[in-house]
């Protein structure tokens, strides 16, 4: 199993030890662009044309709710990929 597959599996199982950089990697792989916070905030916003923006605070550990948001993106992209075939 590749590192990418292992990372996706950790997201599907809502692992409690995911880091911000791992979620960032997944979102950017699916075409989201990261926008840095302003005024000293720790909340980063990821945007993709045609999709709702996702805001994730850069805290460790990442709370489950933010992992669930990324999981929804992964599932949506997998479904979209299946429909393309």
PDB file of N, CA and C in Angstrom:
ATOM      1  N   UNK A   1       0.846  -1.170   0.000  1.00  0.00           N
ATOM      2  CA  UNK A   1       0.000   0.000   0.000  1.00  0.00           C
ATOM      3  C   UNK A   1       0.901   1.246   0.000  1.00  0.00           C
ATOM      4  N   UNK A   2       0.601   2.183  -0.885  1.00  0.00           N
ATOM      5  CA  UNK A   2       1.433   3.381  -1.005  1.00  0.00           C
ATOM      6  C   UNK A   2       1.187   4.343   0.165  1.00  0.00           C
ATOM      7  N   UNK A   3       2.089   5.322   0.309  1.00  0.00           N
ATOM      8  CA  UNK A   3       1.929   6.333   1.365  1.00  0.00           C
ATOM      9  C   UNK A   3       0.625   7.100   1.179  1.00  0.00           C
ATOM     10  N   UNK A   4       0.300   7.389  -0.087  1.00  0.00           N
ATOM     11  CA  UNK A   4      -0.937   8.122  -0.387  1.00  0.00           C
ATOM     12  C   UNK A   4      -2.155   7.317   0.064  1.00  0.00           C
ATOM     13  N   UNK A   5      -2.164   6.028  -0.263  1.00  0.00           N
ATOM     14  CA  UNK A   5      -3.280   5.168   0.135  1.00  0.00           C
ATOM     15  C   UNK A   5      -3.397   5.080   1.660  1.00  0.00           C
ATOM     16  N   UNK A   6      -2.254   5.017   2.337  1.00  0.00           N
ATOM     17  CA  UNK A   6      -2.267   4.967   3.797  1.00  0.00           C
ATOM     18  C   UNK A   6      -2.823   6.267   4.379  1.00  0.00           C
ATOM     19  N   UNK A   7      -2.455   7.392   3.771  1.00  0.00           N
ATOM     20  CA  UNK A   7      -2.959   8.683   4.231  1.00  0.00           C
ATOM     21  C   UNK A   7      -4.474   8.756   4.041  1.00  0.00           C
ATOM     22  N   UNK A   8      -4.952   8.336   2.882  1.00  0.00           N
ATOM     23  CA  UNK A   8      -6.395   8.345   2.640  1.00  0.00           C
ATOM     24  C   UNK A   8      -7.124   7.417   3.609  1.00  0.00           C
ATOM     25  N   UNK A   9      -6.527   6.270   3.917  1.00  0.00           N
ATOM     26  CA  UNK A   9      -7.134   5.334   4.866  1.00  0.00           C
ATOM     27  C   UNK A   9      -7.250   5.980   6.252  1.00  0.00           C
ATOM     28  N   UNK A  10      -6.219   6.717   6.650  1.00  0.00           N
ATOM     29  CA  UNK A  10      -6.265   7.407   7.947  1.00  0.00           C
ATOM     30  C   UNK A  10      -7.362   8.455   7.960  1.00  0.00           C
ATOM     31  N   UNK A  11      -7.604   9.101   6.825  1.00  0.00           N
ATOM     32  CA  UNK A  11      -8.683  10.085   6.741  1.00  0.00           C
ATOM     33  C   UNK A  11     -10.034   9.383   6.797  1.00  0.00           C
ATOM     34  N   UNK A  12     -10.186   8.287   6.072  1.00  0.00           N
ATOM     35  CA  UNK A  12     -11.448   7.540   6.088  1.00  0.00           C
ATOM     36  C   UNK A  12     -11.793   7.024   7.481  1.00  0.00           C
ATOM     37  N   UNK A  13     -10.777   6.664   8.257  1.00  0.00           N
ATOM     38  CA  UNK A  13     -11.023   6.145   9.605  1.00  0.00           C
ATOM     39  C   UNK A  13     -11.047   7.259  10.656  1.00  0.00           C
ATOM     40  N   UNK A  14     -10.935   8.510  10.196  1.00  0.00           N
ATOM     41  CA  UNK A  14     -10.963   9.692  11.080  1.00  0.00           C
ATOM     42  C   UNK A  14      -9.912   9.592  12.179  1.00  0.00           C
ATOM     43  N   UNK A  15      -8.705   9.268  11.760  1.00  0.00           N
ATOM     44  CA  UNK A  15      -7.584   9.130  12.685  1.00  0.00           C
ATOM     45  C   UNK A  15      -7.393  10.404  13.499  1.00  0.00           C
ATOM     46  N   UNK A  16      -7.032  10.228  14.765  1.00  0.00           N
ATOM     47  CA  UNK A  16      -6.852  11.370  15.665  1.00  0.00           C
ATOM     48  C   UNK A  16      -5.453  11.963  15.588  1.00  0.00           C
ATOM     49  N   UNK A  17      -4.546  11.327  14.859  1.00  0.00           N
ATOM     50  CA  UNK A  17      -3.168  11.815  14.826  1.00  0.00           C
ATOM     51  C   UNK A  17      -2.775  12.452  13.489  1.00  0.00           C
ATOM     52  N   UNK A  18      -3.753  12.935  12.737  1.00  0.00           N
ATOM     53  CA  UNK A  18      -3.447  13.609  11.481  1.00  0.00           C
ATOM     54  C   UNK A  18      -2.910  15.003  11.757  1.00  0.00           C
ATOM     55  N   UNK A  19      -1.991  15.433  10.904  1.00  0.00           N
ATOM     56  CA  UNK A  19      -1.397  16.756  11.044  1.00  0.00           C
ATOM     57  C   UNK A  19      -1.958  17.691   9.965  1.00  0.00           C
ATOM     58  N   UNK A  20      -1.841  18.981  10.221  1.00  0.00           N
ATOM     59  CA  UNK A  20      -2.316  19.992   9.287  1.00  0.00           C
ATOM     60  C   UNK A  20      -1.697  19.792   7.906  1.00  0.00           C
ATOM     61  N   UNK A  21      -0.398  19.549   7.868  1.00  0.00           N
ATOM     62  CA  UNK A  21       0.301  19.402   6.582  1.00  0.00           C
ATOM     63  C   UNK A  21      -0.239  18.218   5.776  1.00  0.00           C
ATOM     64  N   UNK A  22      -0.685  17.162   6.439  1.00  0.00           N
ATOM     65  CA  UNK A  22      -1.249  16.015   5.727  1.00  0.00           C
ATOM     66  C   UNK A  22      -2.587  16.382   5.090  1.00  0.00           C
ATOM     67  N   UNK A  23      -3.425  17.106   5.831  1.00  0.00           N
ATOM     68  CA  UNK A  23      -4.706  17.541   5.261  1.00  0.00           C
ATOM     69  C   UNK A  23      -4.472  18.523   4.117  1.00  0.00           C
ATOM     70  N   UNK A  24      -3.486  19.383   4.290  1.00  0.00           N
ATOM     71  CA  UNK A  24      -3.140  20.341   3.237  1.00  0.00           C
ATOM     72  C   UNK A  24      -2.729  19.604   1.961  1.00  0.00           C
ATOM     73  N   UNK A  25      -1.910  18.585   2.107  1.00  0.00           N
ATOM     74  CA  UNK A  25      -1.433  17.803   0.965  1.00  0.00           C
ATOM     75  C   UNK A  25      -2.612  17.184   0.201  1.00  0.00           C
ATOM     76  N   UNK A  26      -3.561  16.645   0.933  1.00  0.00           N
ATOM     77  CA  UNK A  26      -4.719  16.005   0.302  1.00  0.00           C
ATOM     78  C   UNK A  26      -5.561  17.047  -0.438  1.00  0.00           C
ATOM     79  N   UNK A  27      -5.870  18.149   0.226  1.00  0.00           N
ATOM     80  CA  UNK A  27      -6.695  19.173  -0.403  1.00  0.00           C
ATOM     81  C   UNK A  27      -6.015  19.759  -1.636  1.00  0.00           C
ATOM     82  N   UNK A  28      -4.735  20.034  -1.550  1.00  0.00           N
ATOM     83  CA  UNK A  28      -4.022  20.588  -2.703  1.00  0.00           C
ATOM     84  C   UNK A  28      -3.952  19.579  -3.844  1.00  0.00           C
ATOM     85  N   UNK A  29      -3.881  18.303  -3.532  1.00  0.00           N
ATOM     86  CA  UNK A  29      -3.873  17.265  -4.564  1.00  0.00           C
ATOM     87  C   UNK A  29      -5.193  17.261  -5.346  1.00  0.00           C
ATOM     88  N   UNK A  30      -6.277  17.615  -4.670  1.00  0.00           N
ATOM     89  CA  UNK A  30      -7.583  17.658  -5.319  1.00  0.00           C
ATOM     90  C   UNK A  30      -7.913  19.035  -5.897  1.00  0.00           C
ATOM     91  N   UNK A  31      -6.922  19.912  -5.999  1.00  0.00           N
ATOM     92  CA  UNK A  31      -7.103  21.173  -6.693  1.00  0.00           C
ATOM     93  C   UNK A  31      -7.451  22.369  -5.834  1.00  0.00           C
ATOM     94  N   UNK A  32      -7.457  22.208  -4.533  1.00  0.00           N
ATOM     95  CA  UNK A  32      -7.728  23.344  -3.645  1.00  0.00           C
ATOM     96  C   UNK A  32      -6.468  24.199  -3.504  1.00  0.00           C
ATOM     97  N   UNK A  33      -6.661  25.496  -3.390  1.00  0.00           N
ATOM     98  CA  UNK A  33      -5.559  26.439  -3.170  1.00  0.00           C
ATOM     99  C   UNK A  33      -5.651  26.959  -1.742  1.00  0.00           C
ATOM    100  N   UNK A  34      -4.513  26.979  -1.047  1.00  0.00           N
ATOM    101  CA  UNK A  34      -4.495  27.443   0.328  1.00  0.00           C
ATOM    102  C   UNK A  34      -4.310  28.959   0.363  1.00  0.00           C
ATOM    103  N   UNK A  35      -5.122  29.619   1.179  1.00  0.00           N
ATOM    104  CA  UNK A  35      -5.025  31.060   1.386  1.00  0.00           C
ATOM    105  C   UNK A  35      -4.645  31.292   2.838  1.00  0.00           C
ATOM    106  N   UNK A  36      -3.558  32.026   3.037  1.00  0.00           N
ATOM    107  CA  UNK A  36      -3.043  32.278   4.379  1.00  0.00           C
ATOM    108  C   UNK A  36      -3.964  33.211   5.155  1.00  0.00           C
ATOM    109  N   UNK A  37      -3.951  33.065   6.481  1.00  0.00           N
ATOM    110  CA  UNK A  37      -4.794  33.919   7.316  1.00  0.00           C
ATOM    111  C   UNK A  37      -4.259  35.340   7.378  1.00  0.00           C
ATOM    112  N   UNK A  38      -5.093  36.236   7.816  1.00  0.00           N
ATOM    113  CA  UNK A  38      -4.698  37.630   7.989  1.00  0.00           C
ATOM    114  C   UNK A  38      -4.737  37.984   9.472  1.00  0.00           C
ATOM    115  N   UNK A  39      -4.011  38.998   9.823  1.00  0.00           N
ATOM    116  CA  UNK A  39      -4.029  39.544  11.176  1.00  0.00           C
ATOM    117  C   UNK A  39      -3.682  38.525  12.249  1.00  0.00           C
ATOM    118  N   UNK A  40      -2.748  37.658  11.984  1.00  0.00           N
ATOM    119  CA  UNK A  40      -2.263  36.736  13.006  1.00  0.00           C
ATOM    120  C   UNK A  40      -3.164  35.553  13.302  1.00  0.00           C
ATOM    121  N   UNK A  41      -4.190  35.327  12.518  1.00  0.00           N
ATOM    122  CA  UNK A  41      -5.081  34.187  12.734  1.00  0.00           C
ATOM    123  C   UNK A  41      -4.365  32.892  12.366  1.00  0.00           C
ATOM    124  N   UNK A  42      -4.839  31.791  12.910  1.00  0.00           N
ATOM    125  CA  UNK A  42      -4.241  30.490  12.591  1.00  0.00           C
ATOM    126  C   UNK A  42      -5.139  29.684  11.662  1.00  0.00           C
ATOM    127  N   UNK A  43      -6.212  30.291  11.145  1.00  0.00           N
ATOM    128  CA  UNK A  43      -7.164  29.583  10.298  1.00  0.00           C
ATOM    129  C   UNK A  43      -6.822  29.792   8.819  1.00  0.00           C
ATOM    130  N   UNK A  44      -6.531  28.699   8.137  1.00  0.00           N
ATOM    131  CA  UNK A  44      -6.206  28.720   6.715  1.00  0.00           C
ATOM    132  C   UNK A  44      -7.443  28.298   5.934  1.00  0.00           C
ATOM    133  N   UNK A  45      -7.685  28.975   4.816  1.00  0.00           N
ATOM    134  CA  UNK A  45      -8.846  28.662   3.986  1.00  0.00           C
ATOM    135  C   UNK A  45      -8.374  28.033   2.686  1.00  0.00           C
ATOM    136  N   UNK A  46      -9.028  26.942   2.315  1.00  0.00           N
ATOM    137  CA  UNK A  46      -8.735  26.234   1.067  1.00  0.00           C
ATOM    138  C   UNK A  46      -9.914  26.451   0.130  1.00  0.00           C
ATOM    139  N   UNK A  47      -9.609  26.920  -1.082  1.00  0.00           N
ATOM    140  CA  UNK A  47     -10.661  27.231  -2.053  1.00  0.00           C
ATOM    141  C   UNK A  47     -10.422  26.492  -3.368  1.00  0.00           C
ATOM    142  N   UNK A  48     -11.553  26.125  -3.980  1.00  0.00           N
ATOM    143  CA  UNK A  48     -11.528  25.484  -5.293  1.00  0.00           C
ATOM    144  C   UNK A  48     -12.757  25.983  -6.042  1.00  0.00           C
ATOM    145  N   UNK A  49     -12.591  26.353  -7.277  1.00  0.00           N
ATOM    146  CA  UNK A  49     -13.697  26.854  -8.083  1.00  0.00           C
ATOM    147  C   UNK A  49     -14.835  25.839  -8.113  1.00  0.00           C
ATOM    148  N   UNK A  50     -16.032  26.308  -7.816  1.00  0.00           N
ATOM    149  CA  UNK A  50     -17.207  25.446  -7.846  1.00  0.00           C
ATOM    150  C   UNK A  50     -17.441  24.661  -6.569  1.00  0.00           C
ATOM    151  N   UNK A  51     -16.597  24.850  -5.564  1.00  0.00           N
ATOM    152  CA  UNK A  51     -16.725  24.123  -4.299  1.00  0.00           C
ATOM    153  C   UNK A  51     -16.763  25.105  -3.138  1.00  0.00           C
ATOM    154  N   UNK A  52     -17.380  24.665  -2.052  1.00  0.00           N
ATOM    155  CA  UNK A  52     -17.406  25.499  -0.847  1.00  0.00           C
ATOM    156  C   UNK A  52     -16.004  25.583  -0.261  1.00  0.00           C
ATOM    157  N   UNK A  53     -15.629  26.746   0.254  1.00  0.00           N
ATOM    158  CA  UNK A  53     -14.314  26.861   0.894  1.00  0.00           C
ATOM    159  C   UNK A  53     -14.278  26.058   2.194  1.00  0.00           C
ATOM    160  N   UNK A  54     -13.090  25.590   2.539  1.00  0.00           N
ATOM    161  CA  UNK A  54     -12.871  24.829   3.766  1.00  0.00           C
ATOM    162  C   UNK A  54     -11.848  25.590   4.592  1.00  0.00           C
ATOM    163  N   UNK A  55     -12.196  25.891   5.840  1.00  0.00           N
ATOM    164  CA  UNK A  55     -11.291  26.591   6.737  1.00  0.00           C
ATOM    165  C   UNK A  55     -10.823  25.628   7.818  1.00  0.00           C
ATOM    166  N   UNK A  56      -9.496  25.535   7.970  1.00  0.00           N
ATOM    167  CA  UNK A  56      -8.897  24.620   8.938  1.00  0.00           C
ATOM    168  C   UNK A  56      -7.881  25.392   9.771  1.00  0.00           C
ATOM    169  N   UNK A  57      -8.010  25.331  11.103  1.00  0.00           N
ATOM    170  CA  UNK A  57      -7.000  25.984  11.943  1.00  0.00           C
ATOM    171  C   UNK A  57      -5.729  25.154  11.989  1.00  0.00           C
ATOM    172  N   UNK A  58      -4.603  25.832  12.040  1.00  0.00           N
ATOM    173  CA  UNK A  58      -3.322  25.122  12.079  1.00  0.00           C
ATOM    174  C   UNK A  58      -2.954  24.871  13.542  1.00  0.00           C
ATOM    175  N   UNK A  59      -3.616  23.891  14.121  1.00  0.00           N
ATOM    176  CA  UNK A  59      -3.365  23.461  15.496  1.00  0.00           C
ATOM    177  C   UNK A  59      -3.081  21.970  15.475  1.00  0.00           C
ATOM    178  N   UNK A  60      -2.312  21.525  16.413  1.00  0.00           N
ATOM    179  CA  UNK A  60      -2.051  20.092  16.543  1.00  0.00           C
ATOM    180  C   UNK A  60      -2.586  19.624  17.881  1.00  0.00           C
ATOM    181  N   UNK A  61      -3.300  18.550  17.966  1.00  0.00           N
ATOM    182  CA  UNK A  61      -3.797  17.746  16.846  1.00  0.00           C
ATOM    183  C   UNK A  61      -5.000  18.411  16.168  1.00  0.00           C
ATOM    184  N   UNK A  62      -5.275  17.977  14.960  1.00  0.00           N
ATOM    185  CA  UNK A  62      -6.414  18.487  14.204  1.00  0.00           C
ATOM    186  C   UNK A  62      -7.685  17.881  14.794  1.00  0.00           C
ATOM    187  N   UNK A  63      -8.684  18.705  15.004  1.00  0.00           N
ATOM    188  CA  UNK A  63      -9.945  18.211  15.549  1.00  0.00           C
ATOM    189  C   UNK A  63     -10.671  17.359  14.515  1.00  0.00           C
ATOM    190  N   UNK A  64     -11.458  16.430  15.017  1.00  0.00           N
ATOM    191  CA  UNK A  64     -12.166  15.467  14.185  1.00  0.00           C
ATOM    192  C   UNK A  64     -13.057  16.129  13.135  1.00  0.00           C
ATOM    193  N   UNK A  65     -13.697  17.238  13.474  1.00  0.00           N
ATOM    194  CA  UNK A  65     -14.605  17.900  12.543  1.00  0.00           C
ATOM    195  C   UNK A  65     -13.892  18.329  11.259  1.00  0.00           C
ATOM    196  N   UNK A  66     -12.631  18.735  11.375  1.00  0.00           N
ATOM    197  CA  UNK A  66     -11.877  19.169  10.191  1.00  0.00           C
ATOM    198  C   UNK A  66     -11.443  17.967   9.354  1.00  0.00           C
ATOM    199  N   UNK A  67     -11.149  16.862  10.005  1.00  0.00           N
ATOM    200  CA  UNK A  67     -10.830  15.627   9.277  1.00  0.00           C
ATOM    201  C   UNK A  67     -12.073  15.151   8.523  1.00  0.00           C
ATOM    202  N   UNK A  68     -13.251  15.302   9.146  1.00  0.00           N
ATOM    203  CA  UNK A  68     -14.498  14.916   8.475  1.00  0.00           C
ATOM    204  C   UNK A  68     -14.735  15.763   7.227  1.00  0.00           C
ATOM    205  N   UNK A  69     -14.411  17.050   7.280  1.00  0.00           N
ATOM    206  CA  UNK A  69     -14.561  17.913   6.099  1.00  0.00           C
ATOM    207  C   UNK A  69     -13.674  17.431   4.954  1.00  0.00           C
ATOM    208  N   UNK A  70     -12.442  17.074   5.272  1.00  0.00           N
ATOM    209  CA  UNK A  70     -11.519  16.587   4.245  1.00  0.00           C
ATOM    210  C   UNK A  70     -11.984  15.225   3.737  1.00  0.00           C
ATOM    211  N   UNK A  71     -12.519  14.403   4.614  1.00  0.00           N
ATOM    212  CA  UNK A  71     -13.052  13.096   4.207  1.00  0.00           C
ATOM    213  C   UNK A  71     -14.180  13.276   3.188  1.00  0.00           C
ATOM    214  N   UNK A  72     -15.039  14.275   3.394  1.00  0.00           N
ATOM    215  CA  UNK A  72     -16.114  14.549   2.446  1.00  0.00           C
ATOM    216  C   UNK A  72     -15.556  14.929   1.075  1.00  0.00           C
ATOM    217  N   UNK A  73     -14.471  15.691   1.071  1.00  0.00           N
ATOM    218  CA  UNK A  73     -13.829  16.069  -0.189  1.00  0.00           C
ATOM    219  C   UNK A  73     -13.294  14.821  -0.894  1.00  0.00           C
ATOM    220  N   UNK A  74     -12.610  13.964  -0.151  1.00  0.00           N
ATOM    221  CA  UNK A  74     -12.038  12.741  -0.726  1.00  0.00           C
ATOM    222  C   UNK A  74     -13.143  11.875  -1.305  1.00  0.00           C
ATOM    223  N   UNK A  75     -14.237  11.694  -0.559  1.00  0.00           N
ATOM    224  CA  UNK A  75     -15.348  10.874  -1.038  1.00  0.00           C
ATOM    225  C   UNK A  75     -15.987  11.486  -2.279  1.00  0.00           C
ATOM    226  N   UNK A  76     -16.144  12.802  -2.291  1.00  0.00           N
ATOM    227  CA  UNK A  76     -16.733  13.488  -3.430  1.00  0.00           C
ATOM    228  C   UNK A  76     -15.857  13.337  -4.672  1.00  0.00           C
ATOM    229  N   UNK A  77     -14.547  13.487  -4.487  1.00  0.00           N
ATOM    230  CA  UNK A  77     -13.630  13.342  -5.611  1.00  0.00           C
ATOM    231  C   UNK A  77     -13.606  11.892  -6.120  1.00  0.00           C
ATOM    232  N   UNK A  78     -13.687  10.922  -5.226  1.00  0.00           N
ATOM    233  CA  UNK A  78     -13.711   9.515  -5.641  1.00  0.00           C
ATOM    234  C   UNK A  78     -14.995   9.223  -6.432  1.00  0.00           C
ATOM    235  N   UNK A  79     -16.101   9.771  -5.965  1.00  0.00           N
ATOM    236  CA  UNK A  79     -17.373   9.582  -6.658  1.00  0.00           C
ATOM    237  C   UNK A  79     -17.335  10.245  -8.041  1.00  0.00           C
ATOM    238  N   UNK A  80     -16.786  11.445  -8.101  1.00  0.00           N
ATOM    239  CA  UNK A  80     -16.663  12.155  -9.378  1.00  0.00           C
ATOM    240  C   UNK A  80     -15.780  11.370 -10.347  1.00  0.00           C
ATOM    241  N   UNK A  81     -14.706  10.810  -9.831  1.00  0.00           N
ATOM    242  CA  UNK A  81     -13.796  10.021 -10.666  1.00  0.00           C
ATOM    243  C   UNK A  81     -14.502   8.779 -11.218  1.00  0.00           C
ATOM    244  N   UNK A  82     -15.313   8.119 -10.376  1.00  0.00           N
ATOM    245  CA  UNK A  82     -16.051   6.925 -10.837  1.00  0.00           C
ATOM    246  C   UNK A  82     -17.055   7.285 -11.919  1.00  0.00           C
ATOM    247  N   UNK A  83     -17.700   8.436 -11.796  1.00  0.00           N
ATOM    248  CA  UNK A  83     -18.686   8.859 -12.786  1.00  0.00           C
ATOM    249  C   UNK A  83     -18.039   9.216 -14.120  1.00  0.00           C
ATOM    250  N   UNK A  84     -16.760   9.596 -14.083  1.00  0.00           N
ATOM    251  CA  UNK A  84     -16.046   9.946 -15.303  1.00  0.00           C
ATOM    252  C   UNK A  84     -15.684   8.712 -16.116  1.00  0.00           C
ATOM    253  N   UNK A  85     -15.594   7.569 -15.460  1.00  0.00           N
ATOM    254  CA  UNK A  85     -15.167   6.341 -16.159  1.00  0.00           C
ATOM    255  C   UNK A  85     -16.277   5.690 -16.922  1.00  0.00           C
TER     256      UNK A  85
END
